[in-house]
Every structure is written in C-alpha cells, then in structure tokens.
Protein backbone atom coordinates (compact mmCIF):
# COMPACT_ATOMS: atom_id res chain seq x y z
CA MET A 1 93.60 100.54 74.81
CA GLU A 2 91.00 100.16 72.12
CA GLY A 3 87.71 98.22 73.18
CA TYR A 4 87.75 99.34 76.78
CA THR A 5 84.99 101.57 77.94
CA GLU A 6 85.26 103.40 81.33
CA ILE A 7 83.01 105.96 83.28
CA MET A 8 84.86 108.20 85.45
CA ILE A 9 83.68 108.03 89.06
CA PRO A 10 86.11 109.94 91.37
CA ASN A 11 87.45 107.60 94.20
CA ILE A 12 86.15 109.91 96.84
CA LEU A 13 87.44 107.59 99.58
CA LYS A 14 90.97 108.37 98.44
CA THR A 15 90.58 112.00 99.20
CA TYR A 16 87.68 112.31 102.03
CA PRO A 17 86.50 110.32 104.71
CA ARG A 18 83.97 107.59 103.99
CA SER A 19 81.19 109.68 105.87
CA ALA A 20 80.89 111.91 102.75
CA LEU A 21 80.78 108.95 100.26
CA LEU A 22 77.15 108.76 99.48
CA LEU A 23 76.58 112.41 99.02
CA PHE A 24 79.51 112.99 96.76
CA ILE A 25 78.57 109.69 94.63
CA ALA A 26 75.16 111.04 94.19
CA LEU A 27 76.16 114.57 93.10
CA PHE A 28 78.67 113.00 90.63
CA ILE A 29 76.35 110.45 89.14
CA CYS A 30 73.67 113.22 88.46
CA GLY A 31 76.42 115.55 87.08
CA ALA A 32 77.98 112.84 84.81
CA HIS A 33 74.56 111.91 83.39
CA ALA A 34 73.77 115.62 82.71
CA GLN A 35 77.13 116.08 81.06
CA SER A 36 77.57 112.99 78.92
CA SER A 37 76.49 109.29 78.66
CA GLN A 38 79.73 108.40 76.83
CA PRO A 39 82.55 106.30 78.46
CA CYS A 40 86.01 107.85 79.03
CA THR A 41 89.12 105.54 78.68
CA PRO A 42 92.67 106.57 79.91
CA ALA A 43 95.29 106.65 77.22
CA PHE A 44 98.89 107.63 77.22
CA PRO A 45 99.86 109.15 73.80
CA PHE A 46 103.19 110.63 73.02
CA GLN A 47 102.68 114.30 73.15
CA ASP A 48 103.99 117.41 75.06
CA GLY A 49 107.47 116.08 74.67
CA TRP A 50 106.49 112.88 76.77
CA TRP A 51 107.79 109.78 75.28
CA GLY A 52 106.84 107.15 77.95
CA ALA A 53 107.11 106.62 81.70
CA ASP A 54 106.34 104.08 84.41
CA ALA A 55 104.68 104.01 87.74
CA ALA A 56 101.47 105.72 86.62
CA TYR A 57 99.60 106.32 89.88
CA SER A 58 96.34 108.31 89.61
CA ILE A 59 95.06 110.48 92.36
CA PRO A 60 91.58 111.96 91.74
CA LEU A 61 90.94 115.72 92.66
CA PRO A 62 87.49 117.07 93.88
CA ASP A 63 86.87 119.02 90.67
CA GLY A 64 86.78 115.89 88.46
CA ARG A 65 90.70 116.07 87.30
CA SER A 66 93.10 113.24 88.05
CA VAL A 67 96.63 113.77 88.66
CA TRP A 68 99.00 111.06 87.29
CA ILE A 69 102.35 110.38 88.87
CA PHE A 70 104.90 109.09 86.53
CA GLY A 71 108.27 107.59 87.32
CA ASP A 72 111.40 107.90 85.11
CA THR A 73 110.19 109.75 82.13
CA LEU A 74 111.51 109.78 78.48
CA TYR A 75 111.31 113.24 76.90
CA GLY A 76 112.38 115.24 73.80
CA ASP A 77 111.58 115.25 70.14
CA LYS A 78 111.80 111.37 70.15
CA ARG A 79 113.05 108.65 72.29
CA PHE A 80 116.86 108.85 72.73
CA VAL A 81 119.31 106.44 74.40
CA ASN A 82 122.88 107.16 74.50
CA GLY A 83 124.56 103.70 75.03
CA ASN A 84 122.49 102.37 78.17
CA ASP A 85 121.48 105.92 79.23
CA PRO A 86 117.94 107.02 78.20
CA ARG A 87 117.32 110.76 78.03
CA MET A 88 114.98 111.13 80.88
CA THR A 89 113.78 112.93 83.84
CA ARG A 90 113.36 110.95 87.06
CA ASN A 91 109.67 111.92 87.48
CA SER A 92 106.85 113.90 85.81
CA ILE A 93 103.17 114.35 86.07
CA GLY A 94 99.82 114.46 84.08
CA VAL A 95 96.62 115.94 84.58
CA SER A 96 93.64 114.24 82.95
CA ARG A 97 90.09 115.11 82.47
CA CYS A 98 86.89 113.80 80.77
CA ASN A 99 85.17 116.37 78.96
CA SER A 100 81.48 116.77 78.51
CA LYS A 101 81.58 114.50 75.44
CA GLY A 102 83.24 111.68 77.63
CA GLU A 103 86.64 112.40 75.66
CA TRP A 104 89.68 111.58 77.43
CA GLN A 105 92.20 114.52 77.77
CA LEU A 106 95.61 114.52 79.25
CA GLN A 107 98.11 117.20 79.72
CA TYR A 108 101.70 116.15 80.63
CA THR A 109 104.08 118.30 82.51
CA ILE A 110 107.84 118.02 82.73
CA ARG A 111 109.28 120.53 85.04
CA ARG A 112 111.51 123.09 83.50
CA SER A 113 114.00 125.39 85.09
CA ALA A 114 114.38 129.05 84.52
CA ASP A 115 116.55 128.48 81.60
CA ARG A 116 113.99 125.88 80.21
CA LYS A 117 115.85 122.85 80.85
CA GLU A 118 113.90 119.78 81.48
CA GLN A 119 114.05 118.59 85.24
CA ASP A 120 112.46 116.40 87.84
CA PHE A 121 109.06 117.51 88.73
CA PHE A 122 109.91 116.41 92.36
CA GLN A 123 113.41 117.55 93.32
CA THR A 124 115.77 115.29 95.27
CA GLN A 125 116.79 116.63 98.68
CA THR A 126 120.07 114.75 98.97
CA LYS A 127 122.86 114.94 96.63
CA GLY A 128 123.59 111.88 94.52
CA THR A 129 119.89 110.62 95.02
CA TRP A 130 116.72 111.06 93.23
CA TYR A 131 112.99 110.64 93.71
CA TRP A 132 110.65 107.88 92.39
CA ALA A 133 107.43 109.48 92.95
CA LEU A 134 104.65 107.12 93.75
CA ASP A 135 101.14 107.28 95.13
CA GLY A 136 99.31 109.91 96.92
CA TYR A 137 96.17 111.30 98.21
CA GLY A 138 94.25 114.73 98.49
CA TYR A 139 93.48 116.36 101.73
CA GLY A 140 92.17 119.93 102.18
CA ASN A 141 93.25 121.95 99.19
CA ASN A 142 96.55 119.97 98.80
CA LEU A 143 97.88 116.85 97.15
CA TRP A 144 100.33 114.67 99.02
CA VAL A 145 102.80 112.58 97.14
CA THR A 146 104.85 109.74 98.62
CA LEU A 147 108.67 110.00 97.38
CA LEU A 148 111.05 107.01 97.48
CA CYS A 149 114.49 108.00 97.68
CA ILE A 150 116.79 106.11 95.13
CA ARG A 151 120.56 106.01 94.64
CA ASN A 152 123.01 104.04 92.56
CA ALA A 153 124.01 100.88 94.15
CA ARG A 154 127.09 100.80 96.14
CA GLU A 155 127.80 97.29 95.05
CA LYS A 156 127.06 95.69 91.65
CA ARG A 157 124.09 93.71 91.66
CA PRO A 158 123.70 90.23 89.87
CA ASP A 159 120.25 91.07 88.65
CA GLY A 160 121.23 94.15 86.82
CA PHE A 161 119.03 96.40 88.73
CA ASP A 162 121.97 98.64 90.04
CA PHE A 163 120.09 101.16 92.14
CA GLU A 164 118.98 100.82 95.84
CA THR A 165 116.55 102.71 98.08
CA CYS A 166 117.75 105.28 100.69
CA GLY A 167 114.87 106.57 102.53
CA ALA A 168 111.21 108.18 101.95
CA ASP A 169 109.76 111.63 102.05
CA LEU A 170 106.44 113.27 101.65
CA ALA A 171 105.61 116.07 99.17
CA LYS A 172 102.79 118.57 99.79
CA VAL A 173 101.55 120.13 96.41
CA SER A 174 99.71 123.42 96.49
CA ASN A 175 98.41 125.96 94.26
CA LEU A 176 96.56 123.27 92.25
CA ASP A 177 94.30 125.75 90.24
CA ALA A 178 97.25 127.18 88.59
CA ASP A 179 99.22 125.71 85.67
CA PRO A 180 101.00 122.72 86.81
CA GLN A 181 104.44 124.30 85.96
CA LYS A 182 103.63 126.61 88.84
CA TRP A 183 102.37 124.23 91.49
CA LYS A 184 104.23 124.72 94.72
CA VAL A 185 106.03 121.74 96.23
CA ASP A 186 107.09 121.45 100.02
CA TYR A 187 109.05 118.54 101.08
CA PHE A 188 108.84 116.82 104.55
CA PRO A 189 111.24 114.16 105.67
CA LEU A 190 109.41 110.66 106.57
CA VAL A 191 111.82 107.80 107.05
CA LYS A 192 115.60 108.00 106.87
CA ASP A 193 117.98 105.82 105.13
CA GLY A 194 118.85 102.45 106.57
CA VAL A 195 115.18 101.41 107.90
CA ALA A 196 114.90 99.00 104.87
CA ALA A 197 111.10 99.82 104.75
CA TYR A 198 109.91 103.12 103.33
CA PRO A 199 106.29 104.07 103.32
CA SER A 200 105.53 104.79 99.64
CA SER A 201 104.17 101.64 97.85
CA THR A 202 100.60 102.92 98.08
CA ALA A 203 98.75 105.57 99.96
CA VAL A 204 95.11 106.20 100.92
CA VAL A 205 92.97 108.41 103.22
CA ASP A 206 90.56 106.48 105.57
CA GLY A 207 88.79 108.37 108.51
CA ASP A 208 91.33 110.67 110.26
CA TYR A 209 94.48 109.01 108.98
CA ALA A 210 96.44 108.62 105.83
CA TYR A 211 97.74 105.05 105.51
CA LEU A 212 100.89 104.30 103.70
CA PHE A 213 102.19 100.73 102.80
CA ALA A 214 105.75 99.97 103.08
CA LEU A 215 107.70 97.03 101.50
CA TYR A 216 110.29 95.52 103.95
CA GLU A 217 113.36 94.79 101.85
CA LYS A 218 114.37 91.71 104.00
CA ASP A 219 113.44 88.02 104.24
CA VAL A 220 110.47 87.36 101.89
CA ARG A 221 109.86 91.13 101.52
CA PRO A 222 106.37 91.54 103.35
CA MET A 223 104.18 94.55 103.21
CA LEU A 224 103.99 96.55 106.48
CA LEU A 225 101.34 99.25 107.07
CA THR A 226 101.91 102.78 108.52
CA ARG A 227 99.61 105.91 109.13
CA ILE A 228 99.88 109.58 109.75
CA PRO A 229 97.22 111.59 111.49
CA LEU A 230 95.74 114.00 108.85
CA LYS A 231 96.28 116.78 111.46
CA GLY A 232 99.92 115.94 111.54
CA LEU A 233 100.87 115.84 107.83
CA ASP A 234 103.09 118.74 108.09
CA SER A 235 105.34 116.92 110.52
CA PRO A 236 105.04 113.31 109.10
CA ALA A 237 108.22 111.98 110.60
CA ALA A 238 107.31 112.87 114.03
CA ASN A 239 103.74 111.68 113.71
CA LEU A 240 104.25 108.41 111.89
CA GLN A 241 102.93 105.16 113.35
CA TYR A 242 103.13 101.67 112.53
CA LEU A 243 101.06 98.48 113.07
CA SER A 244 102.83 96.19 115.27
CA LYS A 245 102.90 92.54 115.73
CA ASP A 246 100.66 92.65 118.69
CA GLY A 247 98.04 94.53 116.56
CA THR A 248 98.58 98.03 118.22
CA TRP A 249 99.82 101.04 116.72
CA LYS A 250 103.20 102.50 117.75
CA SER A 251 105.04 105.52 117.04
CA GLY A 252 108.00 105.66 114.56
CA LEU A 253 108.77 102.68 112.46
CA LYS A 254 110.47 99.61 113.57
CA PRO A 255 110.14 96.91 110.65
CA GLU A 256 111.49 93.99 112.94
CA ASP A 257 108.33 94.87 115.25
CA ALA A 258 105.88 95.33 112.61
CA MET A 259 103.11 93.29 111.50
CA ALA A 260 103.46 91.81 107.96
CA VAL A 261 99.94 92.55 106.70
CA MET A 262 100.71 90.82 103.28
CA PRO A 263 103.45 88.09 103.34
CA HIS A 264 104.77 89.22 100.10
CA GLY A 265 104.65 93.03 98.99
CA ALA A 266 105.56 95.05 96.08
CA SER A 267 107.45 98.42 95.61
CA GLU A 268 104.32 99.57 93.65
CA MET A 269 100.63 98.46 94.08
CA SER A 270 97.37 100.01 94.86
CA VAL A 271 95.02 99.74 97.88
CA ARG A 272 91.62 101.24 97.42
CA TYR A 273 88.28 100.96 99.23
CA HIS A 274 85.29 99.40 97.12
CA PRO A 275 81.94 100.54 98.94
CA ASP A 276 79.85 98.34 96.73
CA ARG A 277 81.90 95.23 98.17
CA LYS A 278 82.39 96.84 101.43
CA GLN A 279 86.10 95.56 100.96
CA TRP A 280 89.27 97.11 100.46
CA LEU A 281 91.21 95.64 97.33
CA ALA A 282 94.86 95.64 96.82
CA VAL A 283 96.10 95.06 93.26
CA MET A 284 99.94 94.35 92.30
CA LYS A 285 102.06 92.51 89.83
CA SER A 286 103.23 89.31 91.06
CA PRO A 287 106.49 89.78 93.08
CA ASP A 288 108.02 86.95 91.01
CA LEU A 289 109.60 89.00 88.12
CA THR A 290 109.19 86.04 85.68
CA SER A 291 105.52 85.56 86.47
CA ASP A 292 102.96 87.18 84.19
CA ALA A 293 100.20 87.37 86.82
CA ILE A 294 98.52 90.54 88.19
CA LEU A 295 97.24 89.71 91.67
CA LEU A 296 94.24 90.86 93.68
CA ARG A 297 93.96 90.54 97.62
CA SER A 298 90.93 91.78 99.70
CA ALA A 299 90.15 92.72 103.32
CA ARG A 300 87.28 93.86 105.20
CA GLN A 301 89.65 96.48 107.20
CA ILE A 302 92.77 97.97 105.77
CA THR A 303 94.61 96.41 108.70
CA GLY A 304 93.75 92.92 107.28
CA PRO A 305 93.64 90.14 107.50
CA TRP A 306 94.25 90.25 103.60
CA SER A 307 93.28 87.23 101.42
CA ASP A 308 95.87 85.30 99.48
CA GLY A 309 96.75 86.71 96.14
CA GLU A 310 94.70 85.67 93.27
CA ALA A 311 95.63 86.18 89.61
CA ILE A 312 93.02 88.18 87.99
CA TYR A 313 94.95 88.91 84.63
CA HIS A 314 98.00 87.31 82.80
CA ILE A 315 100.06 89.87 81.03
CA PRO A 316 100.18 88.92 77.42
CA GLU A 317 103.74 90.36 76.83
CA LEU A 318 104.96 87.77 79.31
CA SER A 319 103.01 84.85 77.78
CA GLU A 320 104.98 81.86 76.44
CA SER A 321 104.26 82.75 72.80
CA GLN A 322 105.18 86.42 73.10
CA ARG A 323 107.92 86.18 75.76
CA ASP A 324 111.07 88.23 75.12
CA LYS A 325 113.88 86.95 77.29
CA ASN A 326 114.90 90.62 78.18
CA MET A 327 111.33 91.77 78.88
CA PHE A 328 109.96 92.26 82.16
CA CYS A 329 106.70 93.88 83.55
CA TYR A 330 105.77 95.67 86.72
CA ALA A 331 103.79 98.64 88.43
CA GLY A 332 100.49 96.73 88.38
CA LYS A 333 97.75 98.93 90.00
CA GLU A 334 94.20 99.89 89.97
CA HIS A 335 92.42 103.21 89.14
CA PRO A 336 88.91 103.03 90.53
CA GLU A 337 87.83 106.49 89.29
CA PHE A 338 87.85 105.25 85.78
CA ALA A 339 86.26 101.76 86.33
CA GLU A 340 82.66 100.61 85.44
CA PRO A 341 80.62 98.84 88.16
CA GLY A 342 81.65 95.10 88.34
CA SER A 343 85.04 95.52 86.84
CA LEU A 344 88.58 97.06 87.66
CA LEU A 345 90.56 99.13 85.59
CA ILE A 346 94.32 98.53 86.01
CA THR A 347 97.27 99.59 84.54
CA TYR A 348 101.08 98.00 84.24
CA VAL A 349 104.49 98.84 82.41
CA CYS A 350 106.75 96.62 80.43
CA ASN A 351 110.39 97.33 80.01
CA THR A 352 113.59 95.59 78.97
CA MET A 353 116.86 94.88 80.23
CA LYS A 354 118.20 95.61 76.75
CA VAL A 355 118.29 99.36 77.15
CA PRO A 356 118.87 100.49 73.55
CA ASP A 357 115.73 98.77 72.51
CA VAL A 358 113.60 101.39 74.44
CA ALA A 359 114.45 104.11 71.73
CA THR A 360 113.15 102.02 68.95
CA ASN A 361 110.30 99.86 70.47
CA LEU A 362 107.53 102.27 71.19
CA LYS A 363 105.19 99.38 72.41
CA ILE A 364 107.29 99.19 75.89
CA TYR A 365 107.96 101.73 78.53
CA VAL A 366 104.38 103.26 78.34
CA PRO A 367 101.37 102.35 80.65
CA LYS A 368 99.06 99.58 79.41
CA VAL A 369 95.42 99.89 80.19
CA VAL A 370 93.17 96.86 80.86
CA ARG A 371 89.59 96.44 82.36
CA ILE A 372 88.92 93.24 84.24
CA PRO A 373 85.45 91.94 84.99
CA LEU A 374 84.84 91.01 88.74
CA GLU A 375 81.48 89.31 88.36
CA ASN A 376 82.82 85.79 88.31
CA LYS A 377 85.64 86.39 90.62
CA ARG A 378 85.56 85.03 93.95
CA ILE A 379 86.72 87.75 96.48
CA ASP A 380 86.41 86.77 100.09
C-alpha cells in the first residue's frame, strides 16, 4: 500500500439522504483542514489475532469512523491450515479512524463467546449454515449489514467451490458507542432459500430507501435491484420491493420478473453516488474468474441504464508474468470515504485453490489497496 495518499471524506450519501450532502461536506472539510493536512491510507496489518480475510466492505459512520466488514477470517497467533481447513471464523469486523495527524488506525474485532472462544461476529440463524457478511449502511443510530446465507454444497462442484447460497438476512447493529465486542446485533429475515437471488452484493441509502443489489444465480447471472423503505427496515421481508421488467416497483422479489439492471453481476461489488460527477459508479471484479480486470460502470440514476463495464485496473497478481495457476482474485469494490478528488480507492483480494499455501504465503488473503486516477477515464 506504500505510495498511495488518501484523504478521508465520509460517503455521506451512504448514510444520509442527498439533501444533507452540501452541509456535511462543508463541515467535514473545515474540520479536516483544522485537524491535519496529511493523507490517510487504509492498510490491513496482521494484529489483534487477525491474520487475513476477504470481503472488506467499508461503511462510514457520522463520527468519522468506518466499520469494515470482513468475510472468512484467519485468526490466532499465526496462520494455520489443517489439511485443507484453515483456522477461521466466518466473518469479523474492524473499526478504522484517521487521527489528527492523518495516521491510519484500525482495530479488528473477532467476536468471543463467554468462555473466550473465537466465533463469528454475525451468528447464523439456521443450523448447518453460516453468514458471509457483506455491505451495509447507516441509518439513525444503527448500522445495517446484509448477510448472505451459505452452506456446504449438496452436490460436488467441478470448479472446487463446494458451497452454495441459502438465503439472505439483514442485521441491525446498535450500541455503536461501546466496545465492538458489546455491539448488539438483531437479525431480520429478508429472502428465503430457493429464490436464487439474494439482496446482499452491495447496499446504499438514497432518499427514503435502502437499495440492495442482488446477483441472480441463473442464466448469465445478471444483477437485480431491490429496495426497502427506511421506515420499514425492522420488517425487511414484508417491505422488500424489486424493480420489475416493466420499470415499476413491485412487492417481494420474483427474479424471473425482475429487470436485469446490469447484464452480468458479481456476488461482491460496490455502488456509490459521486456528487462531483452527478453519477452512480459501480465497481466490481470481472465475473470471469480468469480475467485480471476491475470493471467500472456508471449511471445517472441508481435504476440505470448502466454503462458497459470498462476495465479501469488490471490486477498484477493475475498478469501473464506473475500468474499462478492456482490463484484467483475477487471482491473488487470502492471506498469513496478514503478517495481523493479525481480518483477511486478500491480494494480486492487474491486467494488460492491450493489451500495449504494460505498458511505460508502472507501476500495473499489480505485486502489490496489501490488508488485509480479517473481524470482520463471516459465515464458516460
């Protein structure tokens, strides 16, 4: 991550309606200049018993902190793999802050049980399943996080990814002023198993709604769009709506009737509004697992139409000169609260099909941070 310089500007649009944008930006910029003119760059050191993870969504809070959501998380005094089974929890979190000197600070939290055993921060609600915690947003005094239900695949898969999705829930996280070990988490059902489209890939607040994108796990795997009224977040399943093929919003989620807002989606991505461009920008790793491209799409409205995916970055770990046949990279997404004007700050993660290598190769299975200039990029 050396060589990147970032200024922390909270993505207010992810937490509050756009009507408050100018006031919050003005207050933040004045405060930022009063505190420090130094940049602040995200980094993910091995500390607090945390030895790597994927996902790495960031959710800014009004007080200047950002909550990081991690997927499968390696923990302990070192990386450890028993055969093909890494020592890990299924999700964890981190809380970052840039201090008055512009220095990056990050505290990881792996949830501990009453007897001090490591466990998932977000606890599964169904036996034989676990959660991959993904994106989220702030609303009121709470943090809302999308949870993708995962279980072992019922049939052996030829690609080696022997897991499958089994629904989606929504977590409400409260008591955010306390130590993260004491944060309270309430769980709400969202979409049942069998729908094959689970709102979780990315989430953002705009106006009176929280918008959640869902990858449809059929055909060419397009991206669908759902939303929940902010006043109905405590009953998300009952209040869920989907954008239909005729352009209207309908209750529930019927993927066969839903509009494909993007022809090819991703299980992890980001969608964020950029007021300087008056555009929504979507960042994702190419759905082609062999591709080295991070793709960018844009739209004037969150409902689209979205532009074709443009390659804005080529992952060096997947270049011909460095390619390891067992390596794959994924989890591409944007973090606007750490970007500088005219650029994007993105993260991605590389992993390996040769699981024992995770124990010894400390360069993989940790989020990579890249800043990408946009001045010369054509974004329609």
